[in-house]
Amino acid sequence: MSKRLVVGTSCGSLYLAPERYRDSEIKIIPMGLIFKGVEYRETTVDPIAYYDELEHLKNPKENLPRSAMPKMEDILEIFDGAVTGGYDEIIVVCLSSYLSGTYSLLQTIAKDYQDKIKITVVDSRICFFPEGYLCYLAKKLVDKGLPTEEIIKELEWVKKTHQIMGIDAKLDYLIYNGRLKGGKAFMGKMLNICPLVGFDREGVLNSIRTVRTPKKALHELCKEILPIIGDRKSEDYILYHVYTGEETLDLLKEVEKEYAIKCNHEDVIVSPAPGSANGPWLAGYGLSFIRREDEPLE
């Protein structure tokens, strides 16, 4: 049996997830975070303290946080370690190629290693914990001894079903980061517009619709997620809250009671690098289906 190493990027929040996901044999490539003129590896930043600071930050325009590509030295340390550790193959699960050039960077590096070790890079087409869950699933399947080709098929099946949907209760950081500009930004603030956002199947984060007031947007969010789950049994999916700050999350937990929505998985905070674009007022759902035996891979 070949010896295979599973690697993920820190944007998947795997290192922030419940303890059962924190497998020491899964290596994490830390994304960069630039804040107040200092660059950090996001795995060294306490997300709760970080989002609290963003919420109360003075002059946020002058201290706007930005995410950054992982450092080359961190990637090479993991890849070189796999070579010297006697691994035959590396499976890397990466955040959506739409959001970052990290996927392309890892593919380029993989070519440089092709005479040393086989490296398979998987574009998760998403971010936050669904990305990390793919990494965790890959490790489970490696441990079961499935061939890499079968593992990739399993990951592709989950990619067709997983979801991230949420709202940004305040537009501030979306405006500061340039995602909302000019008239849209002005009208959005004036009318208390709240965007409902989600990833499409290509890994693009889109606005599904805009709604007046956060509470109304959370109602729309609940209405969106229910039909996706459908009549699927709870053991055949994981549904959980994703969030940056607790204020919007607490409001979501109140609203979802009206729809009898019950998460069957612990909340998972968004890691600081991808959360920087949204600011501390993001809350929503992460959803991944678990393939049943009667469901074909293709």
C-alpha atoms as a PDB file:
ATOM      1  CA  MET A   1       0.000   0.000   0.000  1.00  0.00           C
ATOM      2  CA  SER A   2       1.342   3.404  -0.957  1.00  0.00           C
ATOM      3  CA  LYS A   3       2.116   5.961   1.720  1.00  0.00           C
ATOM      4  CA  ARG A   4       0.078   9.104   1.053  1.00  0.00           C
ATOM      5  CA  LEU A   5       0.089  12.482   2.797  1.00  0.00           C
ATOM      6  CA  VAL A   6      -3.038  14.671   2.897  1.00  0.00           C
ATOM      7  CA  VAL A   7      -2.546  18.447   2.933  1.00  0.00           C
ATOM      8  CA  GLY A   8      -5.035  21.317   3.206  1.00  0.00           C
ATOM      9  CA  THR A   9      -4.919  25.103   3.302  1.00  0.00           C
ATOM     10  CA  SER A  10      -5.783  26.929   6.502  1.00  0.00           C
ATOM     11  CA  CYS A  11      -8.780  28.628   4.830  1.00  0.00           C
ATOM     12  CA  GLY A  12     -10.598  25.325   5.332  1.00  0.00           C
ATOM     13  CA  SER A  13     -10.726  26.106   9.075  1.00  0.00           C
ATOM     14  CA  LEU A  14      -9.771  22.495   9.823  1.00  0.00           C
ATOM     15  CA  TYR A  15      -7.448  23.623  12.595  1.00  0.00           C
ATOM     16  CA  LEU A  16     -10.363  25.528  14.165  1.00  0.00           C
ATOM     17  CA  ALA A  17     -12.900  22.709  13.825  1.00  0.00           C
ATOM     18  CA  PRO A  18     -13.908  20.271  16.593  1.00  0.00           C
ATOM     19  CA  GLU A  19     -11.086  18.182  18.032  1.00  0.00           C
ATOM     20  CA  ARG A  20     -11.996  15.017  16.102  1.00  0.00           C
ATOM     21  CA  TYR A  21     -10.958  16.720  12.857  1.00  0.00           C
ATOM     22  CA  ARG A  22      -7.507  17.716  14.057  1.00  0.00           C
ATOM     23  CA  ASP A  23      -5.485  14.829  12.716  1.00  0.00           C
ATOM     24  CA  SER A  24      -1.779  15.429  13.221  1.00  0.00           C
ATOM     25  CA  GLU A  25      -1.114  13.518  10.002  1.00  0.00           C
ATOM     26  CA  ILE A  26      -2.999  16.148   7.975  1.00  0.00           C
ATOM     27  CA  LYS A  27      -0.615  18.985   7.170  1.00  0.00           C
ATOM     28  CA  ILE A  28      -1.942  22.542   6.949  1.00  0.00           C
ATOM     29  CA  ILE A  29      -0.492  25.209   4.647  1.00  0.00           C
ATOM     30  CA  PRO A  30      -1.103  28.527   6.422  1.00  0.00           C
ATOM     31  CA  MET A  31      -2.504  31.369   4.364  1.00  0.00           C
ATOM     32  CA  GLY A  32      -1.157  34.855   4.923  1.00  0.00           C
ATOM     33  CA  LEU A  33      -2.900  37.717   6.696  1.00  0.00           C
ATOM     34  CA  ILE A  34      -1.680  41.309   6.515  1.00  0.00           C
ATOM     35  CA  PHE A  35      -3.035  43.526   9.278  1.00  0.00           C
ATOM     36  CA  LYS A  36      -1.800  46.922  10.466  1.00  0.00           C
ATOM     37  CA  GLY A  37       1.278  46.596   8.292  1.00  0.00           C
ATOM     38  CA  VAL A  38       2.307  43.225   9.720  1.00  0.00           C
ATOM     39  CA  GLU A  39       2.078  39.897   7.874  1.00  0.00           C
ATOM     40  CA  TYR A  40       0.983  36.860   9.859  1.00  0.00           C
ATOM     41  CA  ARG A  41       0.393  33.199   9.186  1.00  0.00           C
ATOM     42  CA  GLU A  42      -3.329  33.035   9.838  1.00  0.00           C
ATOM     43  CA  THR A  43      -2.921  29.894  11.947  1.00  0.00           C
ATOM     44  CA  THR A  44      -1.175  32.058  14.566  1.00  0.00           C
ATOM     45  CA  VAL A  45      -4.086  34.504  14.871  1.00  0.00           C
ATOM     46  CA  ASP A  46      -6.850  33.950  17.434  1.00  0.00           C
ATOM     47  CA  PRO A  47     -10.009  34.353  15.295  1.00  0.00           C
ATOM     48  CA  ILE A  48     -12.307  35.386  18.141  1.00  0.00           C
ATOM     49  CA  ALA A  49      -9.986  38.165  19.305  1.00  0.00           C
ATOM     50  CA  TYR A  50      -9.298  39.135  15.688  1.00  0.00           C
ATOM     51  CA  TYR A  51     -12.952  39.587  14.697  1.00  0.00           C
ATOM     52  CA  ASP A  52     -13.624  41.456  17.932  1.00  0.00           C
ATOM     53  CA  GLU A  53     -10.807  43.833  17.044  1.00  0.00           C
ATOM     54  CA  LEU A  54     -12.211  44.341  13.535  1.00  0.00           C
ATOM     55  CA  GLU A  55     -15.603  45.196  14.993  1.00  0.00           C
ATOM     56  CA  HIS A  56     -14.148  47.924  17.187  1.00  0.00           C
ATOM     57  CA  LEU A  57     -11.305  49.010  14.931  1.00  0.00           C
ATOM     58  CA  LYS A  58     -10.738  52.741  14.605  1.00  0.00           C
ATOM     59  CA  ASN A  59     -10.010  53.989  11.089  1.00  0.00           C
ATOM     60  CA  PRO A  60     -10.609  50.589   9.435  1.00  0.00           C
ATOM     61  CA  LYS A  61      -9.943  52.045   5.983  1.00  0.00           C
ATOM     62  CA  GLU A  62      -6.395  52.852   7.044  1.00  0.00           C
ATOM     63  CA  ASN A  63      -5.940  49.460   8.734  1.00  0.00           C
ATOM     64  CA  LEU A  64      -7.754  47.258   6.268  1.00  0.00           C
ATOM     65  CA  PRO A  65      -6.773  43.576   6.644  1.00  0.00           C
ATOM     66  CA  ARG A  66      -5.849  41.624   3.535  1.00  0.00           C
ATOM     67  CA  SER A  67      -5.340  37.958   2.896  1.00  0.00           C
ATOM     68  CA  ALA A  68      -2.132  36.794   1.225  1.00  0.00           C
ATOM     69  CA  MET A  69      -0.842  33.726  -0.564  1.00  0.00           C
ATOM     70  CA  PRO A  70       0.938  31.128   1.566  1.00  0.00           C
ATOM     71  CA  LYS A  71       4.679  31.494   1.927  1.00  0.00           C
ATOM     72  CA  MET A  72       6.737  29.382  -0.436  1.00  0.00           C
ATOM     73  CA  GLU A  73       8.881  28.181   2.450  1.00  0.00           C
ATOM     74  CA  ASP A  74       5.828  26.706   4.216  1.00  0.00           C
ATOM     75  CA  ILE A  75       4.760  24.775   1.126  1.00  0.00           C
ATOM     76  CA  LEU A  76       8.255  23.474   0.419  1.00  0.00           C
ATOM     77  CA  GLU A  77       8.721  22.433   4.042  1.00  0.00           C
ATOM     78  CA  ILE A  78       5.659  20.182   3.804  1.00  0.00           C
ATOM     79  CA  PHE A  79       6.477  18.800   0.364  1.00  0.00           C
ATOM     80  CA  ASP A  80      10.154  18.203   1.171  1.00  0.00           C
ATOM     81  CA  GLY A  81       9.125  16.592   4.440  1.00  0.00           C
ATOM     82  CA  ALA A  82       6.904  14.174   2.544  1.00  0.00           C
ATOM     83  CA  VAL A  83       9.787  13.225   0.248  1.00  0.00           C
ATOM     84  CA  THR A  84      12.238  12.622   3.080  1.00  0.00           C
ATOM     85  CA  GLY A  85       9.496  10.912   5.094  1.00  0.00           C
ATOM     86  CA  GLY A  86       9.142   8.213   2.468  1.00  0.00           C
ATOM     87  CA  TYR A  87       5.723   9.203   1.161  1.00  0.00           C
ATOM     88  CA  ASP A  88       4.755   8.092  -2.326  1.00  0.00           C
ATOM     89  CA  GLU A  89       2.087  10.730  -2.952  1.00  0.00           C
ATOM     90  CA  ILE A  90       0.588  13.958  -1.666  1.00  0.00           C
ATOM     91  CA  ILE A  91      -3.096  14.883  -1.996  1.00  0.00           C
ATOM     92  CA  VAL A  92      -3.637  18.628  -1.538  1.00  0.00           C
ATOM     93  CA  VAL A  93      -7.107  20.120  -1.064  1.00  0.00           C
ATOM     94  CA  CYS A  94      -7.051  23.825  -1.893  1.00  0.00           C
ATOM     95  CA  LEU A  95      -9.469  26.729  -1.504  1.00  0.00           C
ATOM     96  CA  SER A  96     -11.428  27.809  -4.563  1.00  0.00           C
ATOM     97  CA  SER A  97      -9.194  28.837  -7.456  1.00  0.00           C
ATOM     98  CA  TYR A  98     -11.597  31.744  -8.020  1.00  0.00           C
ATOM     99  CA  LEU A  99     -10.697  33.258  -4.649  1.00  0.00           C
ATOM    100  CA  SER A 100      -6.926  32.878  -4.738  1.00  0.00           C
ATOM    101  CA  GLY A 101      -3.958  32.050  -6.927  1.00  0.00           C
ATOM    102  CA  THR A 102      -2.935  29.409  -4.387  1.00  0.00           C
ATOM    103  CA  TYR A 103      -4.353  26.573  -6.498  1.00  0.00           C
ATOM    104  CA  SER A 104      -2.279  27.610  -9.529  1.00  0.00           C
ATOM    105  CA  LEU A 105       0.794  28.061  -7.347  1.00  0.00           C
ATOM    106  CA  LEU A 106       0.445  24.556  -5.900  1.00  0.00           C
ATOM    107  CA  GLN A 107      -0.014  23.061  -9.371  1.00  0.00           C
ATOM    108  CA  THR A 108       3.169  24.768 -10.548  1.00  0.00           C
ATOM    109  CA  ILE A 109       5.135  23.538  -7.558  1.00  0.00           C
ATOM    110  CA  ALA A 110       3.731  20.030  -8.049  1.00  0.00           C
ATOM    111  CA  LYS A 111       5.291  19.932 -11.526  1.00  0.00           C
ATOM    112  CA  ASP A 112       8.675  20.779 -10.014  1.00  0.00           C
ATOM    113  CA  TYR A 113       8.348  17.737  -7.748  1.00  0.00           C
ATOM    114  CA  GLN A 114       7.151  15.266 -10.383  1.00  0.00           C
ATOM    115  CA  ASP A 115      10.499  13.421 -10.398  1.00  0.00           C
ATOM    116  CA  LYS A 116      10.435  13.132  -6.597  1.00  0.00           C
ATOM    117  CA  ILE A 117       6.822  12.480  -5.603  1.00  0.00           C
ATOM    118  CA  LYS A 118       3.350  12.474  -7.141  1.00  0.00           C
ATOM    119  CA  ILE A 119       1.263  15.475  -6.060  1.00  0.00           C
ATOM    120  CA  THR A 120      -2.463  15.719  -6.783  1.00  0.00           C
ATOM    121  CA  VAL A 121      -3.997  19.160  -6.208  1.00  0.00           C
ATOM    122  CA  VAL A 122      -7.784  19.330  -5.746  1.00  0.00           C
ATOM    123  CA  ASP A 123      -9.665  22.592  -6.282  1.00  0.00           C
ATOM    124  CA  SER A 124     -12.349  22.491  -3.578  1.00  0.00           C
ATOM    125  CA  ARG A 125     -14.357  25.169  -5.432  1.00  0.00           C
ATOM    126  CA  ILE A 126     -15.326  26.570  -2.051  1.00  0.00           C
ATOM    127  CA  CYS A 127     -13.838  27.972   1.156  1.00  0.00           C
ATOM    128  CA  PHE A 128     -14.438  27.841   4.914  1.00  0.00           C
ATOM    129  CA  PHE A 129     -15.063  24.485   6.586  1.00  0.00           C
ATOM    130  CA  PRO A 130     -16.512  22.661   3.526  1.00  0.00           C
ATOM    131  CA  GLU A 131     -12.991  22.912   2.115  1.00  0.00           C
ATOM    132  CA  GLY A 132     -11.569  21.508   5.331  1.00  0.00           C
ATOM    133  CA  TYR A 133     -14.166  18.746   5.397  1.00  0.00           C
ATOM    134  CA  LEU A 134     -12.978  17.572   1.964  1.00  0.00           C
ATOM    135  CA  CYS A 135      -9.461  17.370   3.358  1.00  0.00           C
ATOM    136  CA  TYR A 136     -10.673  15.373   6.363  1.00  0.00           C
ATOM    137  CA  LEU A 137     -12.657  13.045   4.104  1.00  0.00           C
ATOM    138  CA  ALA A 138      -9.618  12.475   1.887  1.00  0.00           C
ATOM    139  CA  LYS A 139      -7.603  11.413   4.935  1.00  0.00           C
ATOM    140  CA  LYS A 140     -10.322   8.984   6.044  1.00  0.00           C
ATOM    141  CA  LEU A 141     -10.379   7.394   2.610  1.00  0.00           C
ATOM    142  CA  VAL A 142      -6.587   7.202   2.489  1.00  0.00           C
ATOM    143  CA  ASP A 143      -6.695   5.363   5.815  1.00  0.00           C
ATOM    144  CA  LYS A 144      -9.203   2.916   4.326  1.00  0.00           C
ATOM    145  CA  GLY A 145      -6.755   2.200   1.517  1.00  0.00           C
ATOM    146  CA  LEU A 146      -8.889   3.511  -1.364  1.00  0.00           C
ATOM    147  CA  PRO A 147      -6.948   4.271  -4.555  1.00  0.00           C
ATOM    148  CA  THR A 148      -6.379   7.969  -5.164  1.00  0.00           C
ATOM    149  CA  GLU A 149      -8.574   7.869  -8.277  1.00  0.00           C
ATOM    150  CA  GLU A 150     -11.504   6.652  -6.158  1.00  0.00           C
ATOM    151  CA  ILE A 151     -10.796   9.243  -3.481  1.00  0.00           C
ATOM    152  CA  ILE A 152     -10.924  12.026  -6.058  1.00  0.00           C
ATOM    153  CA  LYS A 153     -14.278  10.709  -7.300  1.00  0.00           C
ATOM    154  CA  GLU A 154     -15.634  10.767  -3.748  1.00  0.00           C
ATOM    155  CA  LEU A 155     -14.434  14.331  -3.265  1.00  0.00           C
ATOM    156  CA  GLU A 156     -15.960  15.386  -6.579  1.00  0.00           C
ATOM    157  CA  TRP A 157     -19.295  13.896  -5.482  1.00  0.00           C
ATOM    158  CA  VAL A 158     -19.261  15.963  -2.296  1.00  0.00           C
ATOM    159  CA  LYS A 159     -18.217  19.054  -4.259  1.00  0.00           C
ATOM    160  CA  LYS A 160     -21.422  18.751  -6.287  1.00  0.00           C
ATOM    161  CA  THR A 161     -23.509  18.936  -3.118  1.00  0.00           C
ATOM    162  CA  HIS A 162     -21.734  21.088  -0.562  1.00  0.00           C
ATOM    163  CA  GLN A 163     -22.920  24.595   0.170  1.00  0.00           C
ATOM    164  CA  ILE A 164     -21.962  27.778   1.932  1.00  0.00           C
ATOM    165  CA  MET A 165     -24.715  30.366   2.332  1.00  0.00           C
ATOM    166  CA  GLY A 166     -24.684  33.345   4.601  1.00  0.00           C
ATOM    167  CA  ILE A 167     -25.324  37.019   5.101  1.00  0.00           C
ATOM    168  CA  ASP A 168     -23.172  40.009   5.855  1.00  0.00           C
ATOM    169  CA  ALA A 169     -25.221  41.919   8.398  1.00  0.00           C
ATOM    170  CA  LYS A 170     -23.193  45.079   7.751  1.00  0.00           C
ATOM    171  CA  LEU A 171     -21.621  46.187   4.489  1.00  0.00           C
ATOM    172  CA  ASP A 172     -18.649  48.028   5.949  1.00  0.00           C
ATOM    173  CA  TYR A 173     -15.860  45.621   5.065  1.00  0.00           C
ATOM    174  CA  LEU A 174     -17.412  44.706   1.713  1.00  0.00           C
ATOM    175  CA  ILE A 175     -17.248  48.407   0.866  1.00  0.00           C
ATOM    176  CA  TYR A 176     -13.751  48.907   2.293  1.00  0.00           C
ATOM    177  CA  ASN A 177     -12.478  45.934   0.292  1.00  0.00           C
ATOM    178  CA  GLY A 178     -13.984  47.291  -2.926  1.00  0.00           C
ATOM    179  CA  ARG A 179     -16.586  44.562  -3.411  1.00  0.00           C
ATOM    180  CA  LEU A 180     -19.284  47.215  -3.237  1.00  0.00           C
ATOM    181  CA  LYS A 181     -18.526  50.556  -4.844  1.00  0.00           C
ATOM    182  CA  GLY A 182     -20.059  53.921  -5.645  1.00  0.00           C
ATOM    183  CA  GLY A 183     -23.828  54.103  -5.807  1.00  0.00           C
ATOM    184  CA  LYS A 184     -24.340  50.510  -4.707  1.00  0.00           C
ATOM    185  CA  ALA A 185     -22.304  51.100  -1.585  1.00  0.00           C
ATOM    186  CA  PHE A 186     -24.090  54.375  -0.780  1.00  0.00           C
ATOM    187  CA  MET A 187     -27.586  52.977  -1.335  1.00  0.00           C
ATOM    188  CA  GLY A 188     -26.737  49.781   0.469  1.00  0.00           C
ATOM    189  CA  LYS A 189     -25.722  51.636   3.617  1.00  0.00           C
ATOM    190  CA  MET A 190     -28.604  54.088   3.420  1.00  0.00           C
ATOM    191  CA  LEU A 191     -31.282  51.427   2.922  1.00  0.00           C
ATOM    192  CA  ASN A 192     -29.702  48.923   5.326  1.00  0.00           C
ATOM    193  CA  ILE A 193     -29.310  46.419   2.488  1.00  0.00           C
ATOM    194  CA  CYS A 194     -28.041  42.997   3.482  1.00  0.00           C
ATOM    195  CA  PRO A 195     -26.684  40.611   0.807  1.00  0.00           C
ATOM    196  CA  LEU A 196     -27.385  36.887   0.887  1.00  0.00           C
ATOM    197  CA  VAL A 197     -24.291  35.210  -0.575  1.00  0.00           C
ATOM    198  CA  GLY A 198     -23.252  31.707  -1.595  1.00  0.00           C
ATOM    199  CA  PHE A 199     -20.801  29.744  -3.730  1.00  0.00           C
ATOM    200  CA  ASP A 200     -21.812  28.446  -7.134  1.00  0.00           C
ATOM    201  CA  ARG A 201     -20.523  25.165  -8.573  1.00  0.00           C
ATOM    202  CA  GLU A 202     -17.552  26.910 -10.191  1.00  0.00           C
ATOM    203  CA  GLY A 203     -16.314  28.167  -6.854  1.00  0.00           C
ATOM    204  CA  VAL A 204     -17.443  31.750  -7.364  1.00  0.00           C
ATOM    205  CA  LEU A 205     -18.885  33.626  -4.400  1.00  0.00           C
ATOM    206  CA  ASN A 206     -22.030  35.365  -5.633  1.00  0.00           C
ATOM    207  CA  SER A 207     -24.795  37.512  -4.245  1.00  0.00           C
ATOM    208  CA  ILE A 208     -27.959  35.406  -4.386  1.00  0.00           C
ATOM    209  CA  ARG A 209     -30.161  38.373  -3.595  1.00  0.00           C
ATOM    210  CA  THR A 210     -30.183  41.534  -1.530  1.00  0.00           C
ATOM    211  CA  VAL A 211     -32.687  42.073   1.262  1.00  0.00           C
ATOM    212  CA  ARG A 212     -33.597  44.981   3.521  1.00  0.00           C
ATOM    213  CA  THR A 213     -32.360  44.428   7.106  1.00  0.00           C
ATOM    214  CA  PRO A 214     -30.313  41.524   8.473  1.00  0.00           C
ATOM    215  CA  LYS A 215     -33.297  39.809  10.083  1.00  0.00           C
ATOM    216  CA  LYS A 216     -35.195  39.626   6.798  1.00  0.00           C
ATOM    217  CA  ALA A 217     -32.057  38.351   5.079  1.00  0.00           C
ATOM    218  CA  LEU A 218     -31.725  35.576   7.665  1.00  0.00           C
ATOM    219  CA  HIS A 219     -35.317  34.550   6.978  1.00  0.00           C
ATOM    220  CA  GLU A 220     -34.442  34.299   3.288  1.00  0.00           C
ATOM    221  CA  LEU A 221     -31.356  32.284   4.176  1.00  0.00           C
ATOM    222  CA  CYS A 222     -33.455  29.750   6.094  1.00  0.00           C
ATOM    223  CA  LYS A 223     -35.881  29.511   3.187  1.00  0.00           C
ATOM    224  CA  GLU A 224     -32.970  28.837   0.801  1.00  0.00           C
ATOM    225  CA  ILE A 225     -31.279  26.093   2.814  1.00  0.00           C
ATOM    226  CA  LEU A 226     -34.361  24.001   3.620  1.00  0.00           C
ATOM    227  CA  PRO A 227     -35.196  22.833   0.067  1.00  0.00           C
ATOM    228  CA  ILE A 228     -31.530  21.967  -0.535  1.00  0.00           C
ATOM    229  CA  ILE A 229     -31.626  19.556   2.396  1.00  0.00           C
ATOM    230  CA  GLY A 230     -35.022  18.299   1.242  1.00  0.00           C
ATOM    231  CA  ASP A 231     -36.162  15.068   2.853  1.00  0.00           C
ATOM    232  CA  ARG A 232     -32.636  13.760   3.307  1.00  0.00           C
ATOM    233  CA  LYS A 233     -32.097  12.028   6.665  1.00  0.00           C
ATOM    234  CA  SER A 234     -29.866  13.813   9.152  1.00  0.00           C
ATOM    235  CA  GLU A 235     -27.301  10.990   9.113  1.00  0.00           C
ATOM    236  CA  ASP A 236     -26.784  11.663   5.398  1.00  0.00           C
ATOM    237  CA  TYR A 237     -25.525  15.236   5.728  1.00  0.00           C
ATOM    238  CA  ILE A 238     -23.762  17.625   8.056  1.00  0.00           C
ATOM    239  CA  LEU A 239     -25.297  21.056   8.622  1.00  0.00           C
ATOM    240  CA  TYR A 240     -23.591  23.650  10.763  1.00  0.00           C
ATOM    241  CA  HIS A 241     -23.235  27.360  11.349  1.00  0.00           C
ATOM    242  CA  VAL A 242     -20.298  29.281   9.926  1.00  0.00           C
ATOM    243  CA  TYR A 243     -19.595  32.726  11.312  1.00  0.00           C
ATOM    244  CA  THR A 244     -17.077  35.468  11.935  1.00  0.00           C
ATOM    245  CA  GLY A 245     -18.705  37.387  14.810  1.00  0.00           C
ATOM    246  CA  GLU A 246     -21.241  36.132  17.319  1.00  0.00           C
ATOM    247  CA  GLU A 247     -23.735  38.979  16.972  1.00  0.00           C
ATOM    248  CA  THR A 248     -25.155  37.846  13.618  1.00  0.00           C
ATOM    249  CA  LEU A 249     -24.813  34.176  14.598  1.00  0.00           C
ATOM    250  CA  ASP A 250     -26.999  34.685  17.671  1.00  0.00           C
ATOM    251  CA  LEU A 251     -29.634  36.374  15.517  1.00  0.00           C
ATOM    252  CA  LEU A 252     -29.551  33.472  13.034  1.00  0.00           C
ATOM    253  CA  LYS A 253     -30.098  30.957  15.831  1.00  0.00           C
ATOM    254  CA  GLU A 254     -33.225  32.842  16.870  1.00  0.00           C
ATOM    255  CA  VAL A 255     -34.625  33.131  13.342  1.00  0.00           C
ATOM    256  CA  GLU A 256     -34.010  29.473  12.402  1.00  0.00           C
ATOM    257  CA  LYS A 257     -36.309  28.318  15.221  1.00  0.00           C
ATOM    258  CA  GLU A 258     -39.284  29.504  13.155  1.00  0.00           C
ATOM    259  CA  TYR A 259     -38.253  27.053  10.415  1.00  0.00           C
ATOM    260  CA  ALA A 260     -37.409  24.121  12.713  1.00  0.00           C
ATOM    261  CA  ILE A 261     -33.868  24.069  11.323  1.00  0.00           C
ATOM    262  CA  LYS A 262     -31.574  22.030  13.524  1.00  0.00           C
ATOM    263  CA  CYS A 263     -27.870  21.819  12.838  1.00  0.00           C
ATOM    264  CA  ASN A 264     -26.377  18.377  13.491  1.00  0.00           C
ATOM    265  CA  HIS A 265     -22.789  19.591  13.721  1.00  0.00           C
ATOM    266  CA  GLU A 266     -20.901  22.085  15.861  1.00  0.00           C
ATOM    267  CA  ASP A 267     -20.474  25.708  14.759  1.00  0.00           C
ATOM    268  CA  VAL A 268     -17.211  26.432  12.927  1.00  0.00           C
ATOM    269  CA  ILE A 269     -15.675  29.912  12.939  1.00  0.00           C
ATOM    270  CA  VAL A 270     -14.254  31.214   9.654  1.00  0.00           C
ATOM    271  CA  SER A 271     -10.476  31.471   9.624  1.00  0.00           C
ATOM    272  CA  PRO A 272      -9.150  35.060   9.668  1.00  0.00           C
ATOM    273  CA  ALA A 273      -7.783  35.341   6.106  1.00  0.00           C
ATOM    274  CA  PRO A 274     -11.012  34.646   4.155  1.00  0.00           C
ATOM    275  CA  GLY A 275     -13.115  36.255   6.883  1.00  0.00           C
ATOM    276  CA  SER A 276     -11.305  39.557   6.472  1.00  0.00           C
ATOM    277  CA  ALA A 277     -13.208  40.370   3.289  1.00  0.00           C
ATOM    278  CA  ASN A 278     -16.547  40.053   5.067  1.00  0.00           C
ATOM    279  CA  GLY A 279     -15.702  41.506   8.439  1.00  0.00           C
ATOM    280  CA  PRO A 280     -17.101  40.448  11.809  1.00  0.00           C
ATOM    281  CA  TRP A 281     -20.788  40.290  10.885  1.00  0.00           C
ATOM    282  CA  LEU A 282     -20.970  37.158   8.726  1.00  0.00           C
ATOM    283  CA  ALA A 283     -23.153  34.208   9.689  1.00  0.00           C
ATOM    284  CA  GLY A 284     -24.667  31.380   7.691  1.00  0.00           C
ATOM    285  CA  TYR A 285     -24.728  27.671   7.013  1.00  0.00           C
ATOM    286  CA  GLY A 286     -22.270  25.096   5.784  1.00  0.00           C
ATOM    287  CA  LEU A 287     -23.772  21.927   4.308  1.00  0.00           C
ATOM    288  CA  SER A 288     -22.146  18.775   2.954  1.00  0.00           C
ATOM    289  CA  PHE A 289     -23.920  15.588   1.932  1.00  0.00           C
ATOM    290  CA  ILE A 290     -22.653  12.181   3.007  1.00  0.00           C
ATOM    291  CA  ARG A 291     -22.947   9.726   0.137  1.00  0.00           C
ATOM    292  CA  ARG A 292     -25.253   6.783   0.779  1.00  0.00           C
ATOM    293  CA  GLU A 293     -24.461   3.335  -0.561  1.00  0.00           C
ATOM    294  CA  ASP A 294     -27.373   3.591  -3.005  1.00  0.00           C
ATOM    295  CA  GLU A 295     -26.024   6.828  -4.525  1.00  0.00           C
ATOM    296  CA  PRO A 296     -23.684   6.344  -7.493  1.00  0.00           C
ATOM    297  CA  LEU A 297     -20.392   8.212  -7.621  1.00  0.00           C
ATOM    298  CA  GLU A 298     -20.947   9.336 -11.210  1.00  0.00           C
END
